Amino acid sequence: MILSMARAATTTDAFNAVAEPRRRQILDLLARGERPVNDLVELLGLAQPQVSKHLRVLREVDLVRVRDEGRQRMYRLNAGPLRSIHDWLQIYEQMWSERFDLLDEVLDELKEDDDGNDD
C-alpha cells in the first residue's frame, strides 16, 4: 500500500506564494504598474489559464489586487505582504554586509602588500 502525502498549500503566506518563479515574474511585471491579464499572458509567454492560476494564488495571499475595468480585469501589486519576507531577509543582509566588509579589509591588505613589493 502506497501512502501519498498531501501537498502543502502554496497559498498560506507570501513566502510560499513567491517560491514559484513564474509568480515572481508576475510580481516583477506588476511592480512596474497595473496590467490586464492579457498583457501578462503575452509578456510571460504562458497560456491564459496558467497565468490565471498564478494570479489566483497571488490574490489569495493578498500580493495582487484586481479590479474590473469594462471587460478587462486589471491586476496590480499589493506589496504589503512582502514586508514579512523583507524583515526576514534583513538578518541575512546584515550578515552579508559584515562579510563584505571583512572581504574589503582583506583586499585592502593584499593591495597594500602588493604595492609594497613593487620595488
N, C-alpha and C. Protein backbone atom coordinates (compact mmCIF):
# COMPACT_ATOMS: atom_id res chain seq x y z
N MET A 1 0.84 -1.19 0.00
CA MET A 1 0.00 0.00 0.00
C MET A 1 0.88 1.25 0.00
N ILE A 2 0.63 2.13 -0.93
CA ILE A 2 1.41 3.36 -1.03
C ILE A 2 0.59 4.50 -0.45
N LEU A 3 1.20 5.21 0.47
CA LEU A 3 0.53 6.37 1.05
C LEU A 3 1.07 7.62 0.38
N SER A 4 0.20 8.49 -0.02
CA SER A 4 0.67 9.74 -0.61
C SER A 4 0.49 10.85 0.42
N MET A 5 1.46 11.71 0.44
CA MET A 5 1.40 12.84 1.37
C MET A 5 0.68 13.99 0.69
N ALA A 6 -0.16 14.63 1.43
CA ALA A 6 -0.86 15.79 0.89
C ALA A 6 0.15 16.91 0.64
N ARG A 7 0.02 17.53 -0.49
CA ARG A 7 0.90 18.64 -0.83
C ARG A 7 0.49 19.87 -0.03
N ALA A 8 1.46 20.54 0.52
CA ALA A 8 1.17 21.75 1.30
C ALA A 8 0.61 22.83 0.39
N ALA A 9 -0.32 23.55 0.89
CA ALA A 9 -0.92 24.64 0.12
C ALA A 9 0.12 25.71 -0.15
N THR A 10 0.11 26.23 -1.37
CA THR A 10 1.05 27.30 -1.73
C THR A 10 0.48 28.66 -1.39
N THR A 11 -0.70 28.67 -0.88
CA THR A 11 -1.37 29.95 -0.67
C THR A 11 -1.42 30.35 0.80
N THR A 12 -0.63 29.70 1.64
CA THR A 12 -0.72 30.01 3.06
C THR A 12 -0.09 31.35 3.42
N ASP A 13 0.97 31.73 2.71
CA ASP A 13 1.61 33.01 3.01
C ASP A 13 2.44 33.47 1.82
N ALA A 14 2.98 34.67 1.94
CA ALA A 14 3.76 35.25 0.84
C ALA A 14 5.01 34.42 0.54
N PHE A 15 5.63 33.84 1.56
CA PHE A 15 6.84 33.04 1.34
C PHE A 15 6.55 31.90 0.36
N ASN A 16 5.50 31.17 0.61
CA ASN A 16 5.15 30.04 -0.26
C ASN A 16 4.72 30.53 -1.64
N ALA A 17 3.98 31.60 -1.68
CA ALA A 17 3.49 32.10 -2.97
C ALA A 17 4.63 32.54 -3.88
N VAL A 18 5.63 33.20 -3.33
CA VAL A 18 6.72 33.71 -4.18
C VAL A 18 7.81 32.66 -4.40
N ALA A 19 7.65 31.48 -3.84
CA ALA A 19 8.62 30.41 -4.07
C ALA A 19 8.60 29.95 -5.54
N GLU A 20 7.50 30.17 -6.22
CA GLU A 20 7.35 29.74 -7.61
C GLU A 20 7.87 30.83 -8.54
N PRO A 21 8.83 30.51 -9.42
CA PRO A 21 9.45 31.54 -10.27
C PRO A 21 8.48 32.32 -11.16
N ARG A 22 7.47 31.67 -11.71
CA ARG A 22 6.53 32.40 -12.57
C ARG A 22 5.76 33.44 -11.77
N ARG A 23 5.43 33.14 -10.54
CA ARG A 23 4.72 34.12 -9.72
C ARG A 23 5.62 35.31 -9.40
N ARG A 24 6.91 35.04 -9.22
CA ARG A 24 7.84 36.16 -9.02
C ARG A 24 7.91 37.02 -10.27
N GLN A 25 7.87 36.39 -11.44
CA GLN A 25 7.87 37.16 -12.69
C GLN A 25 6.63 38.04 -12.78
N ILE A 26 5.50 37.51 -12.40
CA ILE A 26 4.26 38.29 -12.41
C ILE A 26 4.39 39.48 -11.47
N LEU A 27 4.92 39.26 -10.28
CA LEU A 27 5.10 40.36 -9.33
C LEU A 27 6.05 41.40 -9.90
N ASP A 28 7.12 40.96 -10.56
CA ASP A 28 8.06 41.91 -11.18
C ASP A 28 7.36 42.78 -12.22
N LEU A 29 6.53 42.16 -13.03
CA LEU A 29 5.79 42.92 -14.05
C LEU A 29 4.81 43.89 -13.42
N LEU A 30 4.11 43.45 -12.38
CA LEU A 30 3.12 44.30 -11.74
C LEU A 30 3.77 45.40 -10.91
N ALA A 31 5.02 45.21 -10.52
CA ALA A 31 5.73 46.26 -9.79
C ALA A 31 5.93 47.49 -10.66
N ARG A 32 5.88 47.30 -11.97
CA ARG A 32 6.03 48.41 -12.92
C ARG A 32 4.71 49.12 -13.20
N GLY A 33 3.62 48.52 -12.73
CA GLY A 33 2.32 49.15 -12.95
C GLY A 33 1.22 48.13 -13.19
N GLU A 34 0.03 48.62 -13.08
CA GLU A 34 -1.17 47.79 -13.27
C GLU A 34 -1.24 47.27 -14.71
N ARG A 35 -1.69 46.02 -14.85
CA ARG A 35 -1.77 45.41 -16.18
C ARG A 35 -2.99 44.50 -16.28
N PRO A 36 -3.56 44.40 -17.49
CA PRO A 36 -4.62 43.42 -17.70
C PRO A 36 -4.00 42.03 -17.86
N VAL A 37 -4.78 41.01 -17.62
CA VAL A 37 -4.29 39.64 -17.69
C VAL A 37 -3.72 39.32 -19.07
N ASN A 38 -4.30 39.86 -20.13
CA ASN A 38 -3.80 39.58 -21.49
C ASN A 38 -2.36 40.06 -21.67
N ASP A 39 -2.01 41.19 -21.07
CA ASP A 39 -0.63 41.68 -21.13
C ASP A 39 0.30 40.70 -20.43
N LEU A 40 -0.12 40.21 -19.28
CA LEU A 40 0.70 39.25 -18.54
C LEU A 40 0.90 37.97 -19.34
N VAL A 41 -0.16 37.50 -19.98
CA VAL A 41 -0.09 36.30 -20.81
C VAL A 41 0.96 36.50 -21.91
N GLU A 42 0.88 37.63 -22.59
CA GLU A 42 1.79 37.91 -23.69
C GLU A 42 3.23 38.05 -23.21
N LEU A 43 3.43 38.80 -22.14
CA LEU A 43 4.79 39.04 -21.65
C LEU A 43 5.44 37.79 -21.07
N LEU A 44 4.64 36.92 -20.47
CA LEU A 44 5.18 35.70 -19.86
C LEU A 44 5.29 34.55 -20.86
N GLY A 45 4.55 34.63 -21.95
CA GLY A 45 4.56 33.55 -22.93
C GLY A 45 3.90 32.29 -22.41
N LEU A 46 2.92 32.46 -21.54
CA LEU A 46 2.19 31.33 -20.96
C LEU A 46 0.76 31.34 -21.46
N ALA A 47 0.10 30.22 -21.30
CA ALA A 47 -1.33 30.16 -21.63
C ALA A 47 -2.12 30.93 -20.57
N GLN A 48 -3.23 31.50 -21.00
CA GLN A 48 -4.06 32.30 -20.09
C GLN A 48 -4.48 31.53 -18.84
N PRO A 49 -4.87 30.24 -18.93
CA PRO A 49 -5.25 29.52 -17.71
C PRO A 49 -4.09 29.39 -16.70
N GLN A 50 -2.87 29.25 -17.20
CA GLN A 50 -1.72 29.18 -16.29
C GLN A 50 -1.52 30.51 -15.56
N VAL A 51 -1.60 31.60 -16.29
CA VAL A 51 -1.42 32.92 -15.69
C VAL A 51 -2.53 33.16 -14.67
N SER A 52 -3.75 32.81 -15.03
CA SER A 52 -4.87 33.00 -14.10
C SER A 52 -4.69 32.19 -12.82
N LYS A 53 -4.16 30.99 -12.95
CA LYS A 53 -3.90 30.14 -11.78
C LYS A 53 -2.89 30.82 -10.85
N HIS A 54 -1.81 31.34 -11.42
CA HIS A 54 -0.80 32.03 -10.62
C HIS A 54 -1.38 33.30 -9.99
N LEU A 55 -2.18 34.03 -10.74
CA LEU A 55 -2.80 35.24 -10.20
C LEU A 55 -3.73 34.90 -9.04
N ARG A 56 -4.44 33.78 -9.15
CA ARG A 56 -5.34 33.37 -8.07
C ARG A 56 -4.54 33.12 -6.78
N VAL A 57 -3.41 32.43 -6.90
CA VAL A 57 -2.57 32.18 -5.73
C VAL A 57 -2.09 33.50 -5.13
N LEU A 58 -1.63 34.40 -5.99
CA LEU A 58 -1.15 35.70 -5.51
C LEU A 58 -2.26 36.53 -4.87
N ARG A 59 -3.46 36.43 -5.41
CA ARG A 59 -4.61 37.14 -4.81
C ARG A 59 -4.95 36.56 -3.44
N GLU A 60 -4.86 35.24 -3.30
CA GLU A 60 -5.22 34.59 -2.04
C GLU A 60 -4.32 35.00 -0.88
N VAL A 61 -3.09 35.38 -1.17
CA VAL A 61 -2.20 35.87 -0.11
C VAL A 61 -2.10 37.40 -0.14
N ASP A 62 -2.97 38.02 -0.91
CA ASP A 62 -3.12 39.48 -0.99
C ASP A 62 -1.90 40.19 -1.58
N LEU A 63 -1.11 39.49 -2.39
CA LEU A 63 0.01 40.14 -3.06
C LEU A 63 -0.44 40.85 -4.33
N VAL A 64 -1.60 40.46 -4.84
CA VAL A 64 -2.14 41.04 -6.06
C VAL A 64 -3.59 41.42 -5.79
N ARG A 65 -3.95 42.56 -6.29
CA ARG A 65 -5.34 43.02 -6.21
C ARG A 65 -5.87 43.14 -7.63
N VAL A 66 -7.17 43.01 -7.78
CA VAL A 66 -7.78 43.04 -9.11
C VAL A 66 -8.98 43.98 -9.08
N ARG A 67 -9.19 44.63 -10.20
CA ARG A 67 -10.39 45.46 -10.36
C ARG A 67 -10.89 45.31 -11.78
N ASP A 68 -12.17 45.45 -11.94
CA ASP A 68 -12.77 45.37 -13.27
C ASP A 68 -12.75 46.74 -13.91
N GLU A 69 -12.35 46.76 -15.17
CA GLU A 69 -12.39 47.99 -15.97
C GLU A 69 -13.01 47.61 -17.29
N GLY A 70 -14.32 47.85 -17.39
CA GLY A 70 -15.04 47.41 -18.57
C GLY A 70 -15.02 45.89 -18.61
N ARG A 71 -14.55 45.35 -19.73
CA ARG A 71 -14.49 43.89 -19.87
C ARG A 71 -13.15 43.31 -19.42
N GLN A 72 -12.23 44.17 -19.01
CA GLN A 72 -10.91 43.70 -18.59
C GLN A 72 -10.82 43.64 -17.07
N ARG A 73 -9.99 42.72 -16.62
CA ARG A 73 -9.63 42.66 -15.20
C ARG A 73 -8.22 43.20 -15.09
N MET A 74 -8.06 44.24 -14.29
CA MET A 74 -6.76 44.89 -14.13
C MET A 74 -6.13 44.41 -12.83
N TYR A 75 -4.88 43.99 -12.92
CA TYR A 75 -4.16 43.46 -11.76
C TYR A 75 -3.08 44.44 -11.35
N ARG A 76 -2.90 44.56 -10.05
CA ARG A 76 -1.85 45.44 -9.53
C ARG A 76 -1.21 44.78 -8.31
N LEU A 77 0.02 45.16 -8.07
CA LEU A 77 0.78 44.64 -6.94
C LEU A 77 0.29 45.26 -5.64
N ASN A 78 0.20 44.46 -4.61
CA ASN A 78 0.00 44.93 -3.25
C ASN A 78 1.22 44.45 -2.47
N ALA A 79 2.19 45.32 -2.28
CA ALA A 79 3.48 44.92 -1.72
C ALA A 79 3.45 44.69 -0.21
N GLY A 80 2.40 45.05 0.46
CA GLY A 80 2.34 44.92 1.92
C GLY A 80 2.75 43.55 2.45
N PRO A 81 2.20 42.46 1.91
CA PRO A 81 2.57 41.14 2.41
C PRO A 81 4.04 40.76 2.18
N LEU A 82 4.73 41.48 1.31
CA LEU A 82 6.16 41.21 1.10
C LEU A 82 6.99 41.68 2.29
N ARG A 83 6.40 42.47 3.16
CA ARG A 83 7.12 43.01 4.32
C ARG A 83 7.69 41.89 5.19
N SER A 84 6.94 40.80 5.35
CA SER A 84 7.43 39.70 6.18
C SER A 84 8.68 39.08 5.58
N ILE A 85 8.74 39.01 4.26
CA ILE A 85 9.93 38.47 3.58
C ILE A 85 11.09 39.45 3.76
N HIS A 86 10.82 40.72 3.58
CA HIS A 86 11.85 41.75 3.75
C HIS A 86 12.42 41.71 5.17
N ASP A 87 11.55 41.64 6.15
CA ASP A 87 12.00 41.62 7.54
C ASP A 87 12.87 40.40 7.82
N TRP A 88 12.49 39.26 7.29
CA TRP A 88 13.26 38.04 7.49
C TRP A 88 14.63 38.14 6.82
N LEU A 89 14.67 38.72 5.61
CA LEU A 89 15.92 38.83 4.87
C LEU A 89 16.90 39.82 5.49
N GLN A 90 16.42 40.75 6.30
CA GLN A 90 17.30 41.74 6.91
C GLN A 90 18.38 41.09 7.77
N ILE A 91 18.05 39.98 8.41
CA ILE A 91 19.03 39.24 9.21
C ILE A 91 20.20 38.83 8.32
N TYR A 92 19.89 38.31 7.15
CA TYR A 92 20.92 37.85 6.23
C TYR A 92 21.63 39.01 5.56
N GLU A 93 20.92 40.07 5.32
CA GLU A 93 21.54 41.25 4.73
C GLU A 93 22.63 41.79 5.65
N GLN A 94 22.37 41.80 6.94
CA GLN A 94 23.38 42.26 7.90
C GLN A 94 24.60 41.33 7.87
N MET A 95 24.35 40.03 7.81
CA MET A 95 25.45 39.07 7.75
C MET A 95 26.27 39.28 6.47
N TRP A 96 25.60 39.46 5.33
CA TRP A 96 26.31 39.68 4.07
C TRP A 96 27.14 40.96 4.13
N SER A 97 26.56 42.01 4.69
CA SER A 97 27.29 43.28 4.79
C SER A 97 28.55 43.12 5.62
N GLU A 98 28.43 42.41 6.74
CA GLU A 98 29.60 42.19 7.59
C GLU A 98 30.67 41.38 6.84
N ARG A 99 30.25 40.37 6.10
CA ARG A 99 31.22 39.55 5.35
C ARG A 99 31.87 40.35 4.22
N PHE A 100 31.10 41.20 3.56
CA PHE A 100 31.69 42.04 2.51
C PHE A 100 32.66 43.04 3.10
N ASP A 101 32.34 43.57 4.29
CA ASP A 101 33.27 44.49 4.95
C ASP A 101 34.58 43.78 5.26
N LEU A 102 34.50 42.54 5.75
CA LEU A 102 35.72 41.76 6.03
C LEU A 102 36.49 41.49 4.75
N LEU A 103 35.78 41.17 3.69
CA LEU A 103 36.43 40.93 2.40
C LEU A 103 37.14 42.19 1.91
N ASP A 104 36.49 43.35 2.08
CA ASP A 104 37.12 44.62 1.70
C ASP A 104 38.42 44.83 2.47
N GLU A 105 38.41 44.49 3.76
CA GLU A 105 39.62 44.64 4.58
C GLU A 105 40.74 43.73 4.06
N VAL A 106 40.41 42.49 3.75
CA VAL A 106 41.41 41.56 3.23
C VAL A 106 41.95 42.05 1.90
N LEU A 107 41.07 42.51 1.03
CA LEU A 107 41.52 43.02 -0.27
C LEU A 107 42.42 44.25 -0.12
N ASP A 108 42.08 45.13 0.82
CA ASP A 108 42.91 46.30 1.07
C ASP A 108 44.30 45.89 1.56
N GLU A 109 44.34 44.88 2.47
CA GLU A 109 45.62 44.39 2.98
C GLU A 109 46.45 43.78 1.85
N LEU A 110 45.80 42.99 0.99
CA LEU A 110 46.51 42.39 -0.13
C LEU A 110 47.04 43.45 -1.09
N LYS A 111 46.28 44.49 -1.30
CA LYS A 111 46.69 45.56 -2.19
C LYS A 111 47.90 46.30 -1.59
N GLU A 112 47.83 46.55 -0.28
CA GLU A 112 48.95 47.21 0.39
C GLU A 112 50.22 46.36 0.31
N ASP A 113 50.07 45.05 0.51
CA ASP A 113 51.22 44.13 0.40
C ASP A 113 51.78 44.15 -1.01
N ASP A 114 50.90 44.14 -2.01
CA ASP A 114 51.32 44.14 -3.40
C ASP A 114 52.01 45.45 -3.76
N ASP A 115 51.44 46.57 -3.26
CA ASP A 115 52.05 47.88 -3.53
C ASP A 115 53.43 47.99 -2.89
N GLY A 116 53.63 47.36 -1.77
CA GLY A 116 54.91 47.39 -1.07
C GLY A 116 55.96 46.54 -1.72
N ASN A 117 55.56 45.59 -2.56
CA ASN A 117 56.50 44.69 -3.21
C ASN A 117 56.86 45.13 -4.62
N ASP A 118 56.46 46.31 -5.03
CA ASP A 118 56.72 46.78 -6.40
C ASP A 118 58.13 47.32 -6.55
N ASP A 119 58.90 47.39 -5.49
CA ASP A 119 60.23 47.99 -5.55
C ASP A 119 61.17 47.24 -6.42
